[in-house]
Amino acid sequence: MSEIAISEAKARLTALVRQAEAGEDVVLTRNGKGVARITSMVPRRLTVEERMAVIRKAQALVGDLPPDFDAARSQDFLYDEDGLPA
């Protein structure tokens, strides 16, 4: 994320929009304090490495599953015999 004074941003708007399109947020400041942000309307796509890091983090949060774990039967733990959330 980069910061730029509003007075300077006026002259560099096109370049700042390009930065935002590339996935970098740009914060506009007045008197050294952030007052607005230029950000892309399209979410930035994660790289393969970033996606794998997210998966590894989620796996670490879950921990080791029991050896007899069967994802097909996981609904048995989520819903009661009437099909309502347990």
PDB file of N, CA and C in Angstrom:
ATOM      1  N   MET A   1       0.851  -1.161   0.000  1.00  0.00           N
ATOM      2  CA  MET A   1       0.000   0.000   0.000  1.00  0.00           C
ATOM      3  C   MET A   1       0.902   1.230   0.000  1.00  0.00           C
ATOM      4  N   SER A   2       0.577   2.143  -0.869  1.00  0.00           N
ATOM      5  CA  SER A   2       1.369   3.365  -0.906  1.00  0.00           C
ATOM      6  C   SER A   2       0.494   4.538  -0.482  1.00  0.00           C
ATOM      7  N   GLU A   3       1.141   5.568   0.013  1.00  0.00           N
ATOM      8  CA  GLU A   3       0.432   6.782   0.435  1.00  0.00           C
ATOM      9  C   GLU A   3       0.939   7.949  -0.384  1.00  0.00           C
ATOM     10  N   ILE A   4       0.024   8.847  -0.706  1.00  0.00           N
ATOM     11  CA  ILE A   4       0.391  10.020  -1.483  1.00  0.00           C
ATOM     12  C   ILE A   4      -0.521  11.178  -1.089  1.00  0.00           C
ATOM     13  N   ALA A   5       0.047  12.368  -1.020  1.00  0.00           N
ATOM     14  CA  ALA A   5      -0.735  13.557  -0.690  1.00  0.00           C
ATOM     15  C   ALA A   5      -1.716  13.862  -1.823  1.00  0.00           C
ATOM     16  N   ILE A   6      -2.901  14.311  -1.457  1.00  0.00           N
ATOM     17  CA  ILE A   6      -3.917  14.633  -2.459  1.00  0.00           C
ATOM     18  C   ILE A   6      -3.372  15.632  -3.466  1.00  0.00           C
ATOM     19  N   SER A   7      -2.636  16.622  -3.000  1.00  0.00           N
ATOM     20  CA  SER A   7      -2.111  17.644  -3.911  1.00  0.00           C
ATOM     21  C   SER A   7      -1.199  17.035  -4.975  1.00  0.00           C
ATOM     22  N   GLU A   8      -0.423  16.030  -4.602  1.00  0.00           N
ATOM     23  CA  GLU A   8       0.461  15.361  -5.562  1.00  0.00           C
ATOM     24  C   GLU A   8      -0.330  14.378  -6.429  1.00  0.00           C
ATOM     25  N   ALA A   9      -1.361  13.766  -5.863  1.00  0.00           N
ATOM     26  CA  ALA A   9      -2.150  12.767  -6.590  1.00  0.00           C
ATOM     27  C   ALA A   9      -2.869  13.363  -7.797  1.00  0.00           C
ATOM     28  N   LYS A  10      -3.217  14.626  -7.718  1.00  0.00           N
ATOM     29  CA  LYS A  10      -3.916  15.275  -8.833  1.00  0.00           C
ATOM     30  C   LYS A  10      -3.127  15.133 -10.131  1.00  0.00           C
ATOM     31  N   ALA A  11      -1.828  15.292 -10.047  1.00  0.00           N
ATOM     32  CA  ALA A  11      -0.989  15.239 -11.242  1.00  0.00           C
ATOM     33  C   ALA A  11      -0.663  13.804 -11.660  1.00  0.00           C
ATOM     34  N   ARG A  12      -0.876  12.830 -10.760  1.00  0.00           N
ATOM     35  CA  ARG A  12      -0.492  11.444 -11.046  1.00  0.00           C
ATOM     36  C   ARG A  12      -1.670  10.488 -11.055  1.00  0.00           C
ATOM     37  N   LEU A  13      -2.881  10.990 -11.258  1.00  0.00           N
ATOM     38  CA  LEU A  13      -4.076  10.156 -11.121  1.00  0.00           C
ATOM     39  C   LEU A  13      -4.044   8.921 -12.017  1.00  0.00           C
ATOM     40  N   THR A  14      -3.677   9.084 -13.281  1.00  0.00           N
ATOM     41  CA  THR A  14      -3.659   7.942 -14.193  1.00  0.00           C
ATOM     42  C   THR A  14      -2.708   6.863 -13.687  1.00  0.00           C
ATOM     43  N   ALA A  15      -1.523   7.242 -13.258  1.00  0.00           N
ATOM     44  CA  ALA A  15      -0.551   6.274 -12.751  1.00  0.00           C
ATOM     45  C   ALA A  15      -1.055   5.612 -11.473  1.00  0.00           C
ATOM     46  N   LEU A  16      -1.734   6.366 -10.619  1.00  0.00           N
ATOM     47  CA  LEU A  16      -2.260   5.799  -9.376  1.00  0.00           C
ATOM     48  C   LEU A  16      -3.374   4.797  -9.650  1.00  0.00           C
ATOM     49  N   VAL A  17      -4.213   5.094 -10.634  1.00  0.00           N
ATOM     50  CA  VAL A  17      -5.275   4.153 -11.008  1.00  0.00           C
ATOM     51  C   VAL A  17      -4.654   2.874 -11.557  1.00  0.00           C
ATOM     52  N   ARG A  18      -3.603   3.001 -12.334  1.00  0.00           N
ATOM     53  CA  ARG A  18      -2.915   1.807 -12.853  1.00  0.00           C
ATOM     54  C   ARG A  18      -2.346   0.966 -11.711  1.00  0.00           C
ATOM     55  N   GLN A  19      -1.799   1.622 -10.702  1.00  0.00           N
ATOM     56  CA  GLN A  19      -1.286   0.909  -9.535  1.00  0.00           C
ATOM     57  C   GLN A  19      -2.418   0.130  -8.867  1.00  0.00           C
ATOM     58  N   ALA A  20      -3.568   0.778  -8.706  1.00  0.00           N
ATOM     59  CA  ALA A  20      -4.709   0.118  -8.079  1.00  0.00           C
ATOM     60  C   ALA A  20      -5.182  -1.062  -8.917  1.00  0.00           C
ATOM     61  N   GLU A  21      -5.210  -0.895 -10.228  1.00  0.00           N
ATOM     62  CA  GLU A  21      -5.613  -1.989 -11.116  1.00  0.00           C
ATOM     63  C   GLU A  21      -4.665  -3.182 -10.986  1.00  0.00           C
ATOM     64  N   ALA A  22      -3.413  -2.902 -10.686  1.00  0.00           N
ATOM     65  CA  ALA A  22      -2.413  -3.957 -10.533  1.00  0.00           C
ATOM     66  C   ALA A  22      -2.492  -4.630  -9.168  1.00  0.00           C
ATOM     67  N   GLY A  23      -3.393  -4.141  -8.306  1.00  0.00           N
ATOM     68  CA  GLY A  23      -3.594  -4.781  -7.013  1.00  0.00           C
ATOM     69  C   GLY A  23      -3.036  -4.043  -5.820  1.00  0.00           C
ATOM     70  N   GLU A  24      -2.443  -2.886  -6.040  1.00  0.00           N
ATOM     71  CA  GLU A  24      -1.873  -2.127  -4.916  1.00  0.00           C
ATOM     72  C   GLU A  24      -2.847  -1.042  -4.491  1.00  0.00           C
ATOM     73  N   ASP A  25      -3.215  -1.025  -3.220  1.00  0.00           N
ATOM     74  CA  ASP A  25      -4.062   0.048  -2.713  1.00  0.00           C
ATOM     75  C   ASP A  25      -3.244   1.330  -2.596  1.00  0.00           C
ATOM     76  N   VAL A  26      -3.869   2.456  -2.917  1.00  0.00           N
ATOM     77  CA  VAL A  26      -3.223   3.762  -2.824  1.00  0.00           C
ATOM     78  C   VAL A  26      -4.054   4.602  -1.858  1.00  0.00           C
ATOM     79  N   VAL A  27      -3.419   5.093  -0.812  1.00  0.00           N
ATOM     80  CA  VAL A  27      -4.107   5.918   0.182  1.00  0.00           C
ATOM     81  C   VAL A  27      -3.778   7.374  -0.087  1.00  0.00           C
ATOM     82  N   LEU A  28      -4.827   8.175  -0.207  1.00  0.00           N
ATOM     83  CA  LEU A  28      -4.656   9.621  -0.388  1.00  0.00           C
ATOM     84  C   LEU A  28      -4.649  10.265   0.985  1.00  0.00           C
ATOM     85  N   THR A  29      -3.683  11.163   1.191  1.00  0.00           N
ATOM     86  CA  THR A  29      -3.541  11.784   2.507  1.00  0.00           C
ATOM     87  C   THR A  29      -3.738  13.294   2.432  1.00  0.00           C
ATOM     88  N   ARG A  30      -4.189  13.826   3.542  1.00  0.00           N
ATOM     89  CA  ARG A  30      -4.283  15.279   3.727  1.00  0.00           C
ATOM     90  C   ARG A  30      -3.638  15.574   5.072  1.00  0.00           C
ATOM     91  N   ASN A  31      -2.651  16.428   5.067  1.00  0.00           N
ATOM     92  CA  ASN A  31      -1.901  16.756   6.282  1.00  0.00           C
ATOM     93  C   ASN A  31      -1.336  15.499   6.947  1.00  0.00           C
ATOM     94  N   GLY A  32      -0.893  14.549   6.110  1.00  0.00           N
ATOM     95  CA  GLY A  32      -0.254  13.350   6.626  1.00  0.00           C
ATOM     96  C   GLY A  32      -1.194  12.266   7.122  1.00  0.00           C
ATOM     97  N   LYS A  33      -2.512  12.484   7.037  1.00  0.00           N
ATOM     98  CA  LYS A  33      -3.481  11.493   7.515  1.00  0.00           C
ATOM     99  C   LYS A  33      -4.281  10.946   6.342  1.00  0.00           C
ATOM    100  N   GLY A  34      -4.471   9.630   6.309  1.00  0.00           N
ATOM    101  CA  GLY A  34      -5.239   9.000   5.247  1.00  0.00           C
ATOM    102  C   GLY A  34      -6.685   9.469   5.252  1.00  0.00           C
ATOM    103  N   VAL A  35      -7.188   9.851   4.070  1.00  0.00           N
ATOM    104  CA  VAL A  35      -8.572  10.323   3.977  1.00  0.00           C
ATOM    105  C   VAL A  35      -9.378   9.562   2.912  1.00  0.00           C
ATOM    106  N   ALA A  36      -8.707   8.915   1.980  1.00  0.00           N
ATOM    107  CA  ALA A  36      -9.397   8.170   0.929  1.00  0.00           C
ATOM    108  C   ALA A  36      -8.464   7.097   0.400  1.00  0.00           C
ATOM    109  N   ARG A  37      -9.075   6.120  -0.291  1.00  0.00           N
ATOM    110  CA  ARG A  37      -8.284   5.023  -0.829  1.00  0.00           C
ATOM    111  C   ARG A  37      -8.697   4.761  -2.273  1.00  0.00           C
ATOM    112  N   ILE A  38      -7.712   4.531  -3.126  1.00  0.00           N
ATOM    113  CA  ILE A  38      -7.962   4.086  -4.495  1.00  0.00           C
ATOM    114  C   ILE A  38      -7.641   2.595  -4.504  1.00  0.00           C
ATOM    115  N   THR A  39      -8.632   1.794  -4.884  1.00  0.00           N
ATOM    116  CA  THR A  39      -8.448   0.350  -4.895  1.00  0.00           C
ATOM    117  C   THR A  39      -9.111  -0.242  -6.122  1.00  0.00           C
ATOM    118  N   SER A  40      -8.683  -1.391  -6.522  1.00  0.00           N
ATOM    119  CA  SER A  40      -9.233  -2.030  -7.710  1.00  0.00           C
ATOM    120  C   SER A  40     -10.658  -2.502  -7.452  1.00  0.00           C
ATOM    121  N   MET A  41     -11.498  -2.429  -8.464  1.00  0.00           N
ATOM    122  CA  MET A  41     -12.853  -2.955  -8.380  1.00  0.00           C
ATOM    123  C   MET A  41     -12.859  -4.460  -8.578  1.00  0.00           C
ATOM    124  N   VAL A  42     -11.797  -4.986  -9.169  1.00  0.00           N
ATOM    125  CA  VAL A  42     -11.683  -6.417  -9.431  1.00  0.00           C
ATOM    126  C   VAL A  42     -10.716  -6.995  -8.401  1.00  0.00           C
ATOM    127  N   PRO A  43     -11.155  -8.003  -7.647  1.00  0.00           N
ATOM    128  CA  PRO A  43     -10.238  -8.578  -6.657  1.00  0.00           C
ATOM    129  C   PRO A  43      -8.988  -9.132  -7.325  1.00  0.00           C
ATOM    130  N   ARG A  44      -7.871  -8.950  -6.657  1.00  0.00           N
ATOM    131  CA  ARG A  44      -6.604  -9.461  -7.167  1.00  0.00           C
ATOM    132  C   ARG A  44      -6.610 -10.978  -7.056  1.00  0.00           C
ATOM    133  N   ARG A  45      -6.186 -11.630  -8.118  1.00  0.00           N
ATOM    134  CA  ARG A  45      -6.099 -13.094  -8.112  1.00  0.00           C
ATOM    135  C   ARG A  45      -4.856 -13.521  -7.348  1.00  0.00           C
ATOM    136  N   LEU A  46      -5.021 -14.494  -6.483  1.00  0.00           N
ATOM    137  CA  LEU A  46      -3.889 -15.011  -5.731  1.00  0.00           C
ATOM    138  C   LEU A  46      -3.021 -15.874  -6.629  1.00  0.00           C
ATOM    139  N   THR A  47      -1.732 -15.823  -6.379  1.00  0.00           N
ATOM    140  CA  THR A  47      -0.826 -16.696  -7.107  1.00  0.00           C
ATOM    141  C   THR A  47      -0.983 -18.114  -6.559  1.00  0.00           C
ATOM    142  N   VAL A  48      -0.434 -19.076  -7.252  1.00  0.00           N
ATOM    143  CA  VAL A  48      -0.484 -20.465  -6.796  1.00  0.00           C
ATOM    144  C   VAL A  48       0.161 -20.580  -5.413  1.00  0.00           C
ATOM    145  N   GLU A  49       1.274 -19.898  -5.217  1.00  0.00           N
ATOM    146  CA  GLU A  49       1.966 -19.950  -3.934  1.00  0.00           C
ATOM    147  C   GLU A  49       1.107 -19.361  -2.824  1.00  0.00           C
ATOM    148  N   GLU A  50       0.425 -18.243  -3.118  1.00  0.00           N
ATOM    149  CA  GLU A  50      -0.440 -17.628  -2.110  1.00  0.00           C
ATOM    150  C   GLU A  50      -1.626 -18.525  -1.774  1.00  0.00           C
ATOM    151  N   ARG A  51      -2.204 -19.161  -2.791  1.00  0.00           N
ATOM    152  CA  ARG A  51      -3.320 -20.087  -2.551  1.00  0.00           C
ATOM    153  C   ARG A  51      -2.868 -21.274  -1.705  1.00  0.00           C
ATOM    154  N   MET A  52      -1.696 -21.818  -2.013  1.00  0.00           N
ATOM    155  CA  MET A  52      -1.190 -22.945  -1.230  1.00  0.00           C
ATOM    156  C   MET A  52      -0.930 -22.534   0.222  1.00  0.00           C
ATOM    157  N   ALA A  53      -0.467 -21.309   0.424  1.00  0.00           N
ATOM    158  CA  ALA A  53      -0.231 -20.819   1.784  1.00  0.00           C
ATOM    159  C   ALA A  53      -1.549 -20.733   2.553  1.00  0.00           C
ATOM    160  N   VAL A  54      -2.610 -20.300   1.900  1.00  0.00           N
ATOM    161  CA  VAL A  54      -3.929 -20.231   2.541  1.00  0.00           C
ATOM    162  C   VAL A  54      -4.402 -21.634   2.903  1.00  0.00           C
ATOM    163  N   ILE A  55      -4.224 -22.582   1.995  1.00  0.00           N
ATOM    164  CA  ILE A  55      -4.631 -23.961   2.257  1.00  0.00           C
ATOM    165  C   ILE A  55      -3.849 -24.541   3.432  1.00  0.00           C
ATOM    166  N   ARG A  56      -2.529 -24.318   3.451  1.00  0.00           N
ATOM    167  CA  ARG A  56      -1.703 -24.841   4.552  1.00  0.00           C
ATOM    168  C   ARG A  56      -2.125 -24.222   5.889  1.00  0.00           C
ATOM    169  N   LYS A  57      -2.459 -22.933   5.878  1.00  0.00           N
ATOM    170  CA  LYS A  57      -2.894 -22.266   7.114  1.00  0.00           C
ATOM    171  C   LYS A  57      -4.210 -22.872   7.603  1.00  0.00           C
ATOM    172  N   ALA A  58      -5.145 -23.122   6.680  1.00  0.00           N
ATOM    173  CA  ALA A  58      -6.421 -23.731   7.053  1.00  0.00           C
ATOM    174  C   ALA A  58      -6.201 -25.145   7.593  1.00  0.00           C
ATOM    175  N   GLN A  59      -5.322 -25.899   6.969  1.00  0.00           N
ATOM    176  CA  GLN A  59      -5.033 -27.256   7.434  1.00  0.00           C
ATOM    177  C   GLN A  59      -4.425 -27.230   8.839  1.00  0.00           C
ATOM    178  N   ALA A  60      -3.580 -26.242   9.098  1.00  0.00           N
ATOM    179  CA  ALA A  60      -2.969 -26.133  10.422  1.00  0.00           C
ATOM    180  C   ALA A  60      -4.023 -25.808  11.474  1.00  0.00           C
ATOM    181  N   LEU A  61      -5.014 -25.015  11.114  1.00  0.00           N
ATOM    182  CA  LEU A  61      -6.087 -24.676  12.059  1.00  0.00           C
ATOM    183  C   LEU A  61      -6.941 -25.895  12.380  1.00  0.00           C
ATOM    184  N   VAL A  62      -7.183 -26.737  11.384  1.00  0.00           N
ATOM    185  CA  VAL A  62      -8.005 -27.931  11.580  1.00  0.00           C
ATOM    186  C   VAL A  62      -7.237 -28.990  12.356  1.00  0.00           C
ATOM    187  N   GLY A  63      -5.976 -29.106  12.080  1.00  0.00           N
ATOM    188  CA  GLY A  63      -5.167 -30.132  12.735  1.00  0.00           C
ATOM    189  C   GLY A  63      -5.320 -31.468  12.036  1.00  0.00           C
ATOM    190  N   ASP A  64      -4.795 -32.487  12.673  1.00  0.00           N
ATOM    191  CA  ASP A  64      -4.861 -33.828  12.095  1.00  0.00           C
ATOM    192  C   ASP A  64      -6.261 -34.398  12.260  1.00  0.00           C
ATOM    193  N   LEU A  65      -6.759 -35.024  11.212  1.00  0.00           N
ATOM    194  CA  LEU A  65      -8.057 -35.674  11.265  1.00  0.00           C
ATOM    195  C   LEU A  65      -7.865 -37.123  11.690  1.00  0.00           C
ATOM    196  N   PRO A  66      -8.879 -37.691  12.340  1.00  0.00           N
ATOM    197  CA  PRO A  66      -8.754 -39.098  12.732  1.00  0.00           C
ATOM    198  C   PRO A  66      -8.565 -39.973  11.508  1.00  0.00           C
ATOM    199  N   PRO A  67      -7.859 -41.090  11.636  1.00  0.00           N
ATOM    200  CA  PRO A  67      -7.593 -41.956  10.484  1.00  0.00           C
ATOM    201  C   PRO A  67      -8.863 -42.486   9.825  1.00  0.00           C
ATOM    202  N   ASP A  68      -9.956 -42.602  10.589  1.00  0.00           N
ATOM    203  CA  ASP A  68     -11.205 -43.126  10.026  1.00  0.00           C
ATOM    204  C   ASP A  68     -12.133 -42.016   9.533  1.00  0.00           C
ATOM    205  N   PHE A  69     -11.636 -40.780   9.424  1.00  0.00           N
ATOM    206  CA  PHE A  69     -12.467 -39.661   8.979  1.00  0.00           C
ATOM    207  C   PHE A  69     -12.925 -39.882   7.546  1.00  0.00           C
ATOM    208  N   ASP A  70     -14.220 -39.652   7.311  1.00  0.00           N
ATOM    209  CA  ASP A  70     -14.811 -39.806   5.985  1.00  0.00           C
ATOM    210  C   ASP A  70     -15.630 -38.552   5.690  1.00  0.00           C
ATOM    211  N   ALA A  71     -15.156 -37.726   4.782  1.00  0.00           N
ATOM    212  CA  ALA A  71     -15.834 -36.466   4.474  1.00  0.00           C
ATOM    213  C   ALA A  71     -17.265 -36.703   4.010  1.00  0.00           C
ATOM    214  N   ALA A  72     -17.512 -37.816   3.362  1.00  0.00           N
ATOM    215  CA  ALA A  72     -18.865 -38.119   2.890  1.00  0.00           C
ATOM    216  C   ALA A  72     -19.829 -38.276   4.059  1.00  0.00           C
ATOM    217  N   ARG A  73     -19.321 -38.615   5.233  1.00  0.00           N
ATOM    218  CA  ARG A  73     -20.171 -38.808   6.401  1.00  0.00           C
ATOM    219  C   ARG A  73     -20.175 -37.590   7.321  1.00  0.00           C
ATOM    220  N   SER A  74     -19.509 -36.501   6.929  1.00  0.00           N
ATOM    221  CA  SER A  74     -19.408 -35.336   7.807  1.00  0.00           C
ATOM    222  C   SER A  74     -20.761 -34.714   8.097  1.00  0.00           C
ATOM    223  N   GLN A  75     -21.718 -34.862   7.190  1.00  0.00           N
ATOM    224  CA  GLN A  75     -23.047 -34.298   7.430  1.00  0.00           C
ATOM    225  C   GLN A  75     -23.710 -34.956   8.640  1.00  0.00           C
ATOM    226  N   ASP A  76     -23.298 -36.175   8.983  1.00  0.00           N
ATOM    227  CA  ASP A  76     -23.868 -36.860  10.136  1.00  0.00           C
ATOM    228  C   ASP A  76     -23.614 -36.082  11.420  1.00  0.00           C
ATOM    229  N   PHE A  77     -22.543 -35.307  11.445  1.00  0.00           N
ATOM    230  CA  PHE A  77     -22.200 -34.549  12.628  1.00  0.00           C
ATOM    231  C   PHE A  77     -22.790 -33.144  12.611  1.00  0.00           C
ATOM    232  N   LEU A  78     -23.259 -32.705  11.436  1.00  0.00           N
ATOM    233  CA  LEU A  78     -23.781 -31.348  11.295  1.00  0.00           C
ATOM    234  C   LEU A  78     -25.289 -31.274  11.460  1.00  0.00           C
ATOM    235  N   TYR A  79     -25.999 -32.367  11.145  1.00  0.00           N
ATOM    236  CA  TYR A  79     -27.458 -32.350  11.137  1.00  0.00           C
ATOM    237  C   TYR A  79     -28.008 -33.489  11.990  1.00  0.00           C
ATOM    238  N   ASP A  80     -29.149 -33.238  12.616  1.00  0.00           N
ATOM    239  CA  ASP A  80     -29.765 -34.295  13.402  1.00  0.00           C
ATOM    240  C   ASP A  80     -30.631 -35.192  12.517  1.00  0.00           C
ATOM    241  N   GLU A  81     -31.348 -36.130  13.116  1.00  0.00           N
ATOM    242  CA  GLU A  81     -32.133 -37.081  12.341  1.00  0.00           C
ATOM    243  C   GLU A  81     -33.290 -36.432  11.579  1.00  0.00           C
ATOM    244  N   ASP A  82     -33.668 -35.196  11.947  1.00  0.00           N
ATOM    245  CA  ASP A  82     -34.726 -34.476  11.247  1.00  0.00           C
ATOM    246  C   ASP A  82     -34.172 -33.568  10.135  1.00  0.00           C
ATOM    247  N   GLY A  83     -32.862 -33.600   9.940  1.00  0.00           N
ATOM    248  CA  GLY A  83     -32.240 -32.771   8.921  1.00  0.00           C
ATOM    249  C   GLY A  83     -31.989 -31.345   9.346  1.00  0.00           C
ATOM    250  N   LEU A  84     -32.123 -31.072  10.652  1.00  0.00           N
ATOM    251  CA  LEU A  84     -31.897 -29.725  11.176  1.00  0.00           C
ATOM    252  C   LEU A  84     -30.464 -29.615  11.698  1.00  0.00           C
ATOM    253  N   PRO A  85     -29.903 -28.400  11.682  1.00  0.00           N
ATOM    254  CA  PRO A  85     -28.548 -28.244  12.209  1.00  0.00           C
ATOM    255  C   PRO A  85     -28.456 -28.739  13.649  1.00  0.00           C
ATOM    256  N   ALA A  86     -27.420 -29.466  13.922  1.00  0.00           N
ATOM    257  CA  ALA A  86     -27.236 -30.032  15.270  1.00  0.00           C
ATOM    258  C   ALA A  86     -26.737 -28.981  16.238  1.00  0.00           C
TER     259      ALA A  86
END
